[in-house]
All heavy atoms as atom14 arrays in JSON, in Angstrom:
{
  "sequence": "ELESNEAEAETEQGSLESDAMIKKKTKTAKPPK",
  "atom14_mask": [
    [1, 1, 1, 1, 1, 1, 1, 1, 1, 0, 0, 0, 0, 0],
    [1, 1, 1, 1, 1, 1, 1, 1, 0, 0, 0, 0, 0, 0],
    [1, 1, 1, 1, 1, 1, 1, 1, 1, 0, 0, 0, 0, 0],
    [1, 1, 1, 1, 1, 1, 0, 0, 0, 0, 0, 0, 0, 0],
    [1, 1, 1, 1, 1, 1, 1, 1, 0, 0, 0, 0, 0, 0],
    [1, 1, 1, 1, 1, 1, 1, 1, 1, 0, 0, 0, 0, 0],
    [1, 1, 1, 1, 1, 0, 0, 0, 0, 0, 0, 0, 0, 0],
    [1, 1, 1, 1, 1, 1, 1, 1, 1, 0, 0, 0, 0, 0],
    [1, 1, 1, 1, 1, 0, 0, 0, 0, 0, 0, 0, 0, 0],
    [1, 1, 1, 1, 1, 1, 1, 1, 1, 0, 0, 0, 0, 0],
    [1, 1, 1, 1, 1, 1, 1, 0, 0, 0, 0, 0, 0, 0],
    [1, 1, 1, 1, 1, 1, 1, 1, 1, 0, 0, 0, 0, 0],
    [1, 1, 1, 1, 1, 1, 1, 1, 1, 0, 0, 0, 0, 0],
    [1, 1, 1, 1, 0, 0, 0, 0, 0, 0, 0, 0, 0, 0],
    [1, 1, 1, 1, 1, 1, 0, 0, 0, 0, 0, 0, 0, 0],
    [1, 1, 1, 1, 1, 1, 1, 1, 0, 0, 0, 0, 0, 0],
    [1, 1, 1, 1, 1, 1, 1, 1, 1, 0, 0, 0, 0, 0],
    [1, 1, 1, 1, 1, 1, 0, 0, 0, 0, 0, 0, 0, 0],
    [1, 1, 1, 1, 1, 1, 1, 1, 0, 0, 0, 0, 0, 0],
    [1, 1, 1, 1, 1, 0, 0, 0, 0, 0, 0, 0, 0, 0],
    [1, 1, 1, 1, 1, 1, 1, 1, 0, 0, 0, 0, 0, 0],
    [1, 1, 1, 1, 1, 1, 1, 1, 0, 0, 0, 0, 0, 0],
    [1, 1, 1, 1, 1, 1, 1, 1, 1, 0, 0, 0, 0, 0],
    [1, 1, 1, 1, 1, 1, 1, 1, 1, 0, 0, 0, 0, 0],
    [1, 1, 1, 1, 1, 1, 1, 1, 1, 0, 0, 0, 0, 0],
    [1, 1, 1, 1, 1, 1, 1, 0, 0, 0, 0, 0, 0, 0],
    [1, 1, 1, 1, 1, 1, 1, 1, 1, 0, 0, 0, 0, 0],
    [1, 1, 1, 1, 1, 1, 1, 0, 0, 0, 0, 0, 0, 0],
    [1, 1, 1, 1, 1, 0, 0, 0, 0, 0, 0, 0, 0, 0],
    [1, 1, 1, 1, 1, 1, 1, 1, 1, 0, 0, 0, 0, 0],
    [1, 1, 1, 1, 1, 1, 1, 0, 0, 0, 0, 0, 0, 0],
    [1, 1, 1, 1, 1, 1, 1, 0, 0, 0, 0, 0, 0, 0],
    [1, 1, 1, 1, 1, 1, 1, 1, 1, 0, 0, 0, 0, 0]
  ],
  "atom14_positions": [
    [[15.62, 17.51, -23.23], [16.28, 16.46, -22.45], [15.86, 16.49, -20.99], [15.61, 15.45, -20.37], [17.79, 16.62, -22.58], [18.33, 16.31, -23.98], [19.83, 16.46, -24.03], [20.42, 16.81, -22.98], [20.41, 16.22, -25.11], [0.0, 0.0, 0.0], [0.0, 0.0, 0.0], [0.0, 0.0, 0.0], [0.0, 0.0, 0.0], [0.0, 0.0, 0.0]],
    [[15.78, 17.72, -20.41], [15.35, 17.82, -19.02], [13.92, 17.33, -18.83], [13.61, 16.61, -17.86], [15.47, 19.28, -18.55], [16.9, 19.84, -18.43], [16.85, 21.32, -18.1], [17.68, 19.08, -17.35], [0.0, 0.0, 0.0], [0.0, 0.0, 0.0], [0.0, 0.0, 0.0], [0.0, 0.0, 0.0], [0.0, 0.0, 0.0], [0.0, 0.0, 0.0]],
    [[13.04, 17.71, -19.77], [11.65, 17.24, -19.67], [11.56, 15.74, -19.8], [10.8, 15.08, -19.09], [10.82, 17.92, -20.75], [10.61, 19.42, -20.51], [9.85, 20.06, -21.65], [9.53, 19.32, -22.61], [9.56, 21.28, -21.58], [0.0, 0.0, 0.0], [0.0, 0.0, 0.0], [0.0, 0.0, 0.0], [0.0, 0.0, 0.0], [0.0, 0.0, 0.0]],
    [[12.37, 15.16, -20.69], [12.34, 13.71, -20.85], [12.86, 13.01, -19.6], [12.33, 11.99, -19.17], [13.15, 13.3, -22.07], [14.51, 13.68, -21.89], [0.0, 0.0, 0.0], [0.0, 0.0, 0.0], [0.0, 0.0, 0.0], [0.0, 0.0, 0.0], [0.0, 0.0, 0.0], [0.0, 0.0, 0.0], [0.0, 0.0, 0.0], [0.0, 0.0, 0.0]],
    [[13.93, 13.6, -18.98], [14.45, 13.01, -17.74], [13.44, 13.09, -16.61], [13.28, 12.14, -15.82], [15.75, 13.72, -17.34], [16.88, 13.45, -18.32], [16.89, 12.41, -18.98], [17.83, 14.37, -18.41], [0.0, 0.0, 0.0], [0.0, 0.0, 0.0], [0.0, 0.0, 0.0], [0.0, 0.0, 0.0], [0.0, 0.0, 0.0], [0.0, 0.0, 0.0]],
    [[12.75, 14.24, -16.52], [11.73, 14.36, -15.48], [10.59, 13.37, -15.71], [10.08, 12.77, -14.76], [11.18, 15.79, -15.48], [12.19, 16.82, -14.97], [11.64, 18.22, -15.04], [10.5, 18.37, -15.55], [12.32, 19.17, -14.61], [0.0, 0.0, 0.0], [0.0, 0.0, 0.0], [0.0, 0.0, 0.0], [0.0, 0.0, 0.0], [0.0, 0.0, 0.0]],
    [[10.21, 13.19, -16.96], [9.14, 12.23, -17.25], [9.57, 10.81, -16.89], [8.79, 10.04, -16.32], [8.75, 12.31, -18.73], [0.0, 0.0, 0.0], [0.0, 0.0, 0.0], [0.0, 0.0, 0.0], [0.0, 0.0, 0.0], [0.0, 0.0, 0.0], [0.0, 0.0, 0.0], [0.0, 0.0, 0.0], [0.0, 0.0, 0.0], [0.0, 0.0, 0.0]],
    [[10.83, 10.47, -17.18], [11.32, 9.14, -16.82], [11.35, 8.96, -15.31], [11.01, 7.9, -14.78], [12.71, 8.94, -17.41], [12.72, 8.8, -18.93], [14.12, 8.64, -19.46], [15.06, 8.69, -18.63], [14.27, 8.48, -20.68], [0.0, 0.0, 0.0], [0.0, 0.0, 0.0], [0.0, 0.0, 0.0], [0.0, 0.0, 0.0], [0.0, 0.0, 0.0]],
    [[11.77, 10.03, -14.58], [11.79, 9.93, -13.12], [10.39, 9.75, -12.56], [10.17, 8.96, -11.62], [12.45, 11.18, -12.53], [0.0, 0.0, 0.0], [0.0, 0.0, 0.0], [0.0, 0.0, 0.0], [0.0, 0.0, 0.0], [0.0, 0.0, 0.0], [0.0, 0.0, 0.0], [0.0, 0.0, 0.0], [0.0, 0.0, 0.0], [0.0, 0.0, 0.0]],
    [[9.43, 10.48, -13.11], [8.04, 10.33, -12.63], [7.51, 8.94, -12.9], [6.85, 8.33, -12.04], [7.16, 11.37, -13.33], [7.44, 12.8, -12.86], [6.59, 13.8, -13.6], [5.83, 13.35, -14.49], [6.66, 15.0, -13.29], [0.0, 0.0, 0.0], [0.0, 0.0, 0.0], [0.0, 0.0, 0.0], [0.0, 0.0, 0.0], [0.0, 0.0, 0.0]],
    [[7.83, 8.4, -14.05], [7.35, 7.04, -14.34], [8.01, 6.02, -13.42], [7.36, 5.08, -12.95], [7.67, 6.7, -15.79], [9.07, 6.92, -16.05], [6.86, 7.57, -16.74], [0.0, 0.0, 0.0], [0.0, 0.0, 0.0], [0.0, 0.0, 0.0], [0.0, 0.0, 0.0], [0.0, 0.0, 0.0], [0.0, 0.0, 0.0], [0.0, 0.0, 0.0]],
    [[9.33, 6.21, -13.13], [9.99, 5.3, -12.2], [9.41, 5.4, -10.79], [9.18, 4.4, -10.12], [11.48, 5.6, -12.17], [12.21, 5.23, -13.47], [13.68, 5.58, -13.4], [14.09, 6.15, -12.35], [14.4, 5.28, -14.36], [0.0, 0.0, 0.0], [0.0, 0.0, 0.0], [0.0, 0.0, 0.0], [0.0, 0.0, 0.0], [0.0, 0.0, 0.0]],
    [[9.15, 6.65, -10.34], [8.56, 6.83, -9.01], [7.17, 6.23, -8.94], [6.79, 5.58, -7.96], [8.51, 8.33, -8.68], [8.04, 8.62, -7.25], [8.1, 10.1, -6.94], [8.46, 10.89, -7.82], [7.74, 10.47, -5.73], [0.0, 0.0, 0.0], [0.0, 0.0, 0.0], [0.0, 0.0, 0.0], [0.0, 0.0, 0.0], [0.0, 0.0, 0.0]],
    [[6.4, 6.41, -10.02], [5.07, 5.82, -10.04], [5.12, 4.31, -10.03], [4.3, 3.65, -9.37], [0.0, 0.0, 0.0], [0.0, 0.0, 0.0], [0.0, 0.0, 0.0], [0.0, 0.0, 0.0], [0.0, 0.0, 0.0], [0.0, 0.0, 0.0], [0.0, 0.0, 0.0], [0.0, 0.0, 0.0], [0.0, 0.0, 0.0], [0.0, 0.0, 0.0]],
    [[6.08, 3.72, -10.7], [6.2, 2.26, -10.69], [6.6, 1.76, -9.31], [6.12, 0.72, -8.85], [7.23, 1.83, -11.74], [8.51, 2.38, -11.42], [0.0, 0.0, 0.0], [0.0, 0.0, 0.0], [0.0, 0.0, 0.0], [0.0, 0.0, 0.0], [0.0, 0.0, 0.0], [0.0, 0.0, 0.0], [0.0, 0.0, 0.0], [0.0, 0.0, 0.0]],
    [[7.5, 2.5, -8.61], [7.87, 2.09, -7.26], [6.69, 2.17, -6.3], [6.48, 1.27, -5.46], [9.01, 2.98, -6.75], [10.36, 2.81, -7.47], [11.36, 3.86, -6.96], [10.92, 1.41, -7.23], [0.0, 0.0, 0.0], [0.0, 0.0, 0.0], [0.0, 0.0, 0.0], [0.0, 0.0, 0.0], [0.0, 0.0, 0.0], [0.0, 0.0, 0.0]],
    [[5.93, 3.26, -6.39], [4.75, 3.39, -5.53], [3.75, 2.28, -5.8], [3.15, 1.72, -4.88], [4.11, 4.76, -5.74], [4.97, 5.91, -5.2], [4.35, 7.24, -5.48], [3.28, 7.25, -6.16], [4.88, 8.27, -5.04], [0.0, 0.0, 0.0], [0.0, 0.0, 0.0], [0.0, 0.0, 0.0], [0.0, 0.0, 0.0], [0.0, 0.0, 0.0]],
    [[3.55, 1.97, -7.06], [2.61, 0.9, -7.38], [3.1, -0.44, -6.84], [2.31, -1.25, -6.34], [2.41, 0.84, -8.89], [3.64, 0.56, -9.53], [0.0, 0.0, 0.0], [0.0, 0.0, 0.0], [0.0, 0.0, 0.0], [0.0, 0.0, 0.0], [0.0, 0.0, 0.0], [0.0, 0.0, 0.0], [0.0, 0.0, 0.0], [0.0, 0.0, 0.0]],
    [[4.43, -0.68, -6.92], [4.97, -1.92, -6.36], [4.76, -1.99, -4.86], [4.42, -3.06, -4.32], [6.47, -2.02, -6.68], [6.72, -2.2, -8.16], [5.77, -2.61, -8.86], [7.85, -1.9, -8.62], [0.0, 0.0, 0.0], [0.0, 0.0, 0.0], [0.0, 0.0, 0.0], [0.0, 0.0, 0.0], [0.0, 0.0, 0.0], [0.0, 0.0, 0.0]],
    [[4.94, -0.84, -4.17], [4.74, -0.83, -2.72], [3.29, -1.1, -2.37], [2.97, -1.84, -1.43], [5.19, 0.52, -2.16], [0.0, 0.0, 0.0], [0.0, 0.0, 0.0], [0.0, 0.0, 0.0], [0.0, 0.0, 0.0], [0.0, 0.0, 0.0], [0.0, 0.0, 0.0], [0.0, 0.0, 0.0], [0.0, 0.0, 0.0], [0.0, 0.0, 0.0]],
    [[2.36, -0.51, -3.1], [0.95, -0.74, -2.85], [0.59, -2.2, -3.09], [-0.2, -2.79, -2.34], [0.13, 0.16, -3.78], [0.24, 1.64, -3.45], [-0.44, 2.06, -1.85], [-2.16, 1.76, -2.14], [0.0, 0.0, 0.0], [0.0, 0.0, 0.0], [0.0, 0.0, 0.0], [0.0, 0.0, 0.0], [0.0, 0.0, 0.0], [0.0, 0.0, 0.0]],
    [[1.18, -2.8, -4.08], [0.9, -4.21, -4.36], [1.37, -5.07, -3.2], [0.7, -6.01, -2.77], [1.56, -4.63, -5.67], [0.85, -3.94, -6.84], [1.5, -6.14, -5.85], [1.56, -4.13, -8.15], [0.0, 0.0, 0.0], [0.0, 0.0, 0.0], [0.0, 0.0, 0.0], [0.0, 0.0, 0.0], [0.0, 0.0, 0.0], [0.0, 0.0, 0.0]],
    [[2.57, -4.74, -2.66], [3.09, -5.52, -1.54], [2.2, -5.37, -0.31], [1.95, -6.33, 0.42], [4.5, -5.07, -1.22], [5.5, -5.46, -2.3], [6.89, -4.99, -1.95], [7.88, -5.37, -3.04], [9.25, -4.89, -2.74], [0.0, 0.0, 0.0], [0.0, 0.0, 0.0], [0.0, 0.0, 0.0], [0.0, 0.0, 0.0], [0.0, 0.0, 0.0]],
    [[1.73, -4.12, -0.06], [0.85, -3.92, 1.1], [-0.44, -4.71, 0.94], [-0.95, -5.31, 1.88], [0.55, -2.43, 1.25], [1.74, -1.63, 1.74], [1.37, -0.16, 1.86], [2.57, 0.66, 2.31], [2.23, 2.09, 2.41], [0.0, 0.0, 0.0], [0.0, 0.0, 0.0], [0.0, 0.0, 0.0], [0.0, 0.0, 0.0], [0.0, 0.0, 0.0]],
    [[-0.97, -4.69, -0.25], [-2.21, -5.43, -0.48], [-2.0, -6.92, -0.29], [-2.85, -7.62, 0.26], [-2.73, -5.14, -1.88], [-3.31, -3.74, -2.02], [-3.83, -3.51, -3.42], [-4.4, -2.11, -3.56], [-4.89, -1.86, -4.92], [0.0, 0.0, 0.0], [0.0, 0.0, 0.0], [0.0, 0.0, 0.0], [0.0, 0.0, 0.0], [0.0, 0.0, 0.0]],
    [[-0.88, -7.43, -0.69], [-0.63, -8.86, -0.53], [-0.46, -9.23, 0.93], [-0.84, -10.31, 1.36], [0.64, -9.25, -1.3], [1.71, -8.4, -0.91], [0.41, -9.09, -2.79], [0.0, 0.0, 0.0], [0.0, 0.0, 0.0], [0.0, 0.0, 0.0], [0.0, 0.0, 0.0], [0.0, 0.0, 0.0], [0.0, 0.0, 0.0], [0.0, 0.0, 0.0]],
    [[0.11, -8.27, 1.73], [0.27, -8.57, 3.16], [-1.06, -8.54, 3.89], [-1.32, -9.35, 4.78], [1.22, -7.55, 3.79], [2.66, -7.75, 3.36], [3.56, -6.74, 4.04], [5.0, -6.92, 3.6], [5.9, -5.93, 4.23], [0.0, 0.0, 0.0], [0.0, 0.0, 0.0], [0.0, 0.0, 0.0], [0.0, 0.0, 0.0], [0.0, 0.0, 0.0]],
    [[-1.93, -7.61, 3.6], [-3.22, -7.48, 4.29], [-4.33, -8.29, 3.65], [-5.48, -8.13, 3.99], [-3.62, -6.0, 4.31], [-3.69, -5.53, 2.96], [-2.6, -5.17, 5.07], [0.0, 0.0, 0.0], [0.0, 0.0, 0.0], [0.0, 0.0, 0.0], [0.0, 0.0, 0.0], [0.0, 0.0, 0.0], [0.0, 0.0, 0.0], [0.0, 0.0, 0.0]],
    [[-3.99, -9.12, 2.75], [-5.02, -9.92, 2.09], [-5.61, -10.92, 3.06], [-4.91, -11.46, 3.94], [-4.42, -10.64, 0.89], [0.0, 0.0, 0.0], [0.0, 0.0, 0.0], [0.0, 0.0, 0.0], [0.0, 0.0, 0.0], [0.0, 0.0, 0.0], [0.0, 0.0, 0.0], [0.0, 0.0, 0.0], [0.0, 0.0, 0.0], [0.0, 0.0, 0.0]],
    [[-6.92, -11.23, 2.98], [-7.61, -12.16, 3.87], [-7.23, -13.58, 3.52], [-7.03, -13.9, 2.35], [-9.12, -11.98, 3.73], [-9.6, -10.63, 4.24], [-11.1, -10.54, 4.1], [-11.59, -9.2, 4.6], [-13.07, -9.1, 4.51], [0.0, 0.0, 0.0], [0.0, 0.0, 0.0], [0.0, 0.0, 0.0], [0.0, 0.0, 0.0], [0.0, 0.0, 0.0]],
    [[-7.14, -14.47, 4.53], [-6.83, -15.88, 4.26], [-8.02, -16.55, 3.61], [-9.15, -16.07, 3.68], [-6.55, -16.45, 5.64], [-7.29, -15.55, 6.56], [-7.25, -14.2, 5.98], [0.0, 0.0, 0.0], [0.0, 0.0, 0.0], [0.0, 0.0, 0.0], [0.0, 0.0, 0.0], [0.0, 0.0, 0.0], [0.0, 0.0, 0.0], [0.0, 0.0, 0.0]],
    [[-7.82, -17.66, 2.99], [-8.93, -18.36, 2.34], [-9.95, -18.88, 3.37], [-9.7, -18.9, 4.57], [-8.24, -19.51, 1.59], [-6.93, -19.66, 2.25], [-6.52, -18.32, 2.76], [0.0, 0.0, 0.0], [0.0, 0.0, 0.0], [0.0, 0.0, 0.0], [0.0, 0.0, 0.0], [0.0, 0.0, 0.0], [0.0, 0.0, 0.0], [0.0, 0.0, 0.0]],
    [[-11.12, -19.35, 2.91], [-12.21, -19.77, 3.78], [-11.85, -21.0, 4.59], [-12.23, -21.13, 5.75], [-13.46, -20.05, 2.94], [-14.04, -18.81, 2.31], [-15.29, -19.14, 1.54], [-15.9, -17.91, 0.92], [-17.14, -18.23, 0.16], [0.0, 0.0, 0.0], [0.0, 0.0, 0.0], [0.0, 0.0, 0.0], [0.0, 0.0, 0.0], [0.0, 0.0, 0.0]]
  ]
}
């Protein structure tokens, strides 16, 4: 149970980090030509 909870926490943290990176990329994206 502890290992499963840790795995779920890691997956949630990884999803949050990926969401943050996506937001940063959308903010620094270049405008169209």
